[in-house]
Amino acid sequence: MGLRGADAVVVEANHDVDMLRYGEYPYYLKKRILSPQGHLSNDDCAMLISRLCCEGTKFFILAHLSRENNTPAKALSAVNSALFGSEAKIFVAPEAEPFSLEIGGEDKC
């Protein structure tokens, strides 16, 4: 995994699977989004973040949340469950605003 040891990572948390399955999107679009080449669900995002946290990443930004098939609360809940007890910090990128994250600490270079 090329992200091992990164201080901060932006990860897609596109959809809640139940919201997508029972939502109004047409079947072909649901099928594409849920496919292995589709978007990351909140649960997939949580699994990836859990692995990265074990590799040392401590800051995560959840991005590309679907307006129709997700909420920041659902995405955060999935990720927080996977990281229970860790010191990782999770943020949700705003939909249409610039986002800045400053990470303190010693320069590693």
C-alpha atoms as a PDB file:
ATOM      1  CA  MET A   1       0.000   0.000   0.000  1.00  0.00           C
ATOM      2  CA  GLY A   2       1.616   3.259  -1.139  1.00  0.00           C
ATOM      3  CA  LEU A   3       0.097   5.341   1.664  1.00  0.00           C
ATOM      4  CA  ARG A   4       1.863   3.638   4.575  1.00  0.00           C
ATOM      5  CA  GLY A   5       3.249   6.089   7.066  1.00  0.00           C
ATOM      6  CA  ALA A   6       1.585   9.173   5.572  1.00  0.00           C
ATOM      7  CA  ASP A   7       0.755  11.782   8.215  1.00  0.00           C
ATOM      8  CA  ALA A   8      -2.613  12.592   6.634  1.00  0.00           C
ATOM      9  CA  VAL A   9      -4.726  10.903   3.979  1.00  0.00           C
ATOM     10  CA  VAL A  10      -7.810  11.992   2.042  1.00  0.00           C
ATOM     11  CA  VAL A  11     -10.154   9.021   1.592  1.00  0.00           C
ATOM     12  CA  GLU A  12     -13.402   8.772  -0.316  1.00  0.00           C
ATOM     13  CA  ALA A  13     -16.442   7.927   1.816  1.00  0.00           C
ATOM     14  CA  ASN A  14     -18.953   8.157  -0.993  1.00  0.00           C
ATOM     15  CA  HIS A  15     -22.044   6.329   0.198  1.00  0.00           C
ATOM     16  CA  ASP A  16     -23.916   4.484   2.875  1.00  0.00           C
ATOM     17  CA  VAL A  17     -24.803   1.132   1.283  1.00  0.00           C
ATOM     18  CA  ASP A  18     -28.381   1.073   2.609  1.00  0.00           C
ATOM     19  CA  MET A  19     -29.080   4.635   1.534  1.00  0.00           C
ATOM     20  CA  LEU A  20     -27.812   3.798  -1.942  1.00  0.00           C
ATOM     21  CA  ARG A  21     -29.685   0.487  -2.235  1.00  0.00           C
ATOM     22  CA  TYR A  22     -33.009   1.944  -1.123  1.00  0.00           C
ATOM     23  CA  GLY A  23     -32.545   5.359  -2.713  1.00  0.00           C
ATOM     24  CA  GLU A  24     -33.886   6.730  -5.961  1.00  0.00           C
ATOM     25  CA  TYR A  25     -30.892   6.122  -8.229  1.00  0.00           C
ATOM     26  CA  PRO A  26     -31.624   3.887 -11.237  1.00  0.00           C
ATOM     27  CA  TYR A  27     -30.505   0.264 -10.957  1.00  0.00           C
ATOM     28  CA  TYR A  28     -27.657   0.579 -13.501  1.00  0.00           C
ATOM     29  CA  LEU A  29     -26.133   3.449 -11.499  1.00  0.00           C
ATOM     30  CA  LYS A  30     -26.465   1.634  -8.166  1.00  0.00           C
ATOM     31  CA  LYS A  31     -24.802  -1.404  -9.739  1.00  0.00           C
ATOM     32  CA  ARG A  32     -21.885   0.688 -11.040  1.00  0.00           C
ATOM     33  CA  ILE A  33     -21.366   2.514  -7.729  1.00  0.00           C
ATOM     34  CA  LEU A  34     -21.446  -0.765  -5.755  1.00  0.00           C
ATOM     35  CA  SER A  35     -19.075  -2.568  -8.148  1.00  0.00           C
ATOM     36  CA  PRO A  36     -15.383  -3.152  -7.367  1.00  0.00           C
ATOM     37  CA  GLN A  37     -14.619  -0.323  -9.813  1.00  0.00           C
ATOM     38  CA  GLY A  38     -17.222   1.968  -8.222  1.00  0.00           C
ATOM     39  CA  HIS A  39     -17.000   4.274  -5.237  1.00  0.00           C
ATOM     40  CA  LEU A  40     -15.884   3.499  -1.688  1.00  0.00           C
ATOM     41  CA  SER A  41     -18.695   2.964   0.767  1.00  0.00           C
ATOM     42  CA  ASN A  42     -18.444   4.204   4.342  1.00  0.00           C
ATOM     43  CA  ASP A  43     -17.641   0.645   5.452  1.00  0.00           C
ATOM     44  CA  ASP A  44     -14.902   0.233   2.818  1.00  0.00           C
ATOM     45  CA  CYS A  45     -13.486   3.597   3.833  1.00  0.00           C
ATOM     46  CA  ALA A  46     -13.498   2.533   7.491  1.00  0.00           C
ATOM     47  CA  MET A  47     -11.593  -0.679   6.693  1.00  0.00           C
ATOM     48  CA  LEU A  48      -8.965   1.217   4.707  1.00  0.00           C
ATOM     49  CA  ILE A  49      -8.576   3.868   7.389  1.00  0.00           C
ATOM     50  CA  SER A  50      -8.229   1.209  10.073  1.00  0.00           C
ATOM     51  CA  ARG A  51      -5.339  -0.371   8.142  1.00  0.00           C
ATOM     52  CA  LEU A  52      -3.678   3.000   7.559  1.00  0.00           C
ATOM     53  CA  CYS A  53      -4.040   3.908  11.227  1.00  0.00           C
ATOM     54  CA  CYS A  54      -2.157   0.727  12.145  1.00  0.00           C
ATOM     55  CA  GLU A  55       0.599   1.885   9.755  1.00  0.00           C
ATOM     56  CA  GLY A  56       0.929   5.227  11.555  1.00  0.00           C
ATOM     57  CA  THR A  57      -1.451   7.619   9.813  1.00  0.00           C
ATOM     58  CA  LYS A  58      -3.216   9.798  12.380  1.00  0.00           C
ATOM     59  CA  PHE A  59      -5.180  12.351  10.317  1.00  0.00           C
ATOM     60  CA  PHE A  60      -7.931  11.416   7.891  1.00  0.00           C
ATOM     61  CA  ILE A  61     -10.116  13.595   5.708  1.00  0.00           C
ATOM     62  CA  LEU A  62     -13.305  12.009   4.414  1.00  0.00           C
ATOM     63  CA  ALA A  63     -14.159  13.317   0.958  1.00  0.00           C
ATOM     64  CA  HIS A  64     -16.503  12.899  -2.009  1.00  0.00           C
ATOM     65  CA  LEU A  65     -19.578  12.164   0.116  1.00  0.00           C
ATOM     66  CA  SER A  66     -22.696  11.694  -1.981  1.00  0.00           C
ATOM     67  CA  ARG A  67     -25.385  14.291  -1.317  1.00  0.00           C
ATOM     68  CA  GLU A  68     -28.108  11.730  -2.025  1.00  0.00           C
ATOM     69  CA  ASN A  69     -26.617   8.579  -0.488  1.00  0.00           C
ATOM     70  CA  ASN A  70     -24.609   9.666   2.536  1.00  0.00           C
ATOM     71  CA  THR A  71     -24.362  12.116   5.398  1.00  0.00           C
ATOM     72  CA  PRO A  72     -21.308  13.356   7.280  1.00  0.00           C
ATOM     73  CA  ALA A  73     -22.751  11.767  10.445  1.00  0.00           C
ATOM     74  CA  LYS A  74     -23.062   8.327   8.805  1.00  0.00           C
ATOM     75  CA  ALA A  75     -19.539   8.504   7.365  1.00  0.00           C
ATOM     76  CA  LEU A  76     -18.053   9.603  10.688  1.00  0.00           C
ATOM     77  CA  SER A  77     -19.953   6.928  12.584  1.00  0.00           C
ATOM     78  CA  ALA A  78     -18.596   4.144  10.354  1.00  0.00           C
ATOM     79  CA  VAL A  79     -15.026   5.392  10.591  1.00  0.00           C
ATOM     80  CA  ASN A  80     -15.154   6.139  14.321  1.00  0.00           C
ATOM     81  CA  SER A  81     -16.397   2.600  14.978  1.00  0.00           C
ATOM     82  CA  ALA A  82     -13.399   1.184  13.103  1.00  0.00           C
ATOM     83  CA  LEU A  83     -10.951   3.447  14.974  1.00  0.00           C
ATOM     84  CA  PHE A  84     -12.386   3.099  18.470  1.00  0.00           C
ATOM     85  CA  GLY A  85      -9.620   3.643  21.008  1.00  0.00           C
ATOM     86  CA  SER A  86      -7.115   5.124  18.561  1.00  0.00           C
ATOM     87  CA  GLU A  87      -5.801   8.666  18.687  1.00  0.00           C
ATOM     88  CA  ALA A  88      -6.587   9.306  15.013  1.00  0.00           C
ATOM     89  CA  LYS A  89      -8.363  12.514  14.040  1.00  0.00           C
ATOM     90  CA  ILE A  90     -11.105  12.379  11.417  1.00  0.00           C
ATOM     91  CA  PHE A  91     -12.448  15.342   9.453  1.00  0.00           C
ATOM     92  CA  VAL A  92     -15.094  15.638   6.764  1.00  0.00           C
ATOM     93  CA  ALA A  93     -14.106  17.841   3.847  1.00  0.00           C
ATOM     94  CA  PRO A  94     -16.666  20.559   3.197  1.00  0.00           C
ATOM     95  CA  GLU A  95     -18.573  20.130  -0.037  1.00  0.00           C
ATOM     96  CA  ALA A  96     -17.833  23.432  -1.717  1.00  0.00           C
ATOM     97  CA  GLU A  97     -15.271  25.233   0.420  1.00  0.00           C
ATOM     98  CA  PRO A  98     -11.485  25.083   0.601  1.00  0.00           C
ATOM     99  CA  PHE A  99     -10.205  22.932   3.450  1.00  0.00           C
ATOM    100  CA  SER A 100      -6.926  23.416   5.279  1.00  0.00           C
ATOM    101  CA  LEU A 101      -5.312  21.059   7.759  1.00  0.00           C
ATOM    102  CA  GLU A 102      -2.119  21.912   9.591  1.00  0.00           C
ATOM    103  CA  ILE A 103      -0.235  19.063  11.186  1.00  0.00           C
ATOM    104  CA  GLY A 104       2.133  20.047  13.957  1.00  0.00           C
ATOM    105  CA  GLY A 105       5.245  18.237  15.022  1.00  0.00           C
ATOM    106  CA  GLU A 106       8.818  17.912  13.953  1.00  0.00           C
ATOM    107  CA  ASP A 107       9.816  18.119  10.322  1.00  0.00           C
ATOM    108  CA  LYS A 108      10.672  14.602   9.161  1.00  0.00           C
ATOM    109  CA  CYS A 109      12.858  15.760   6.243  1.00  0.00           C
END
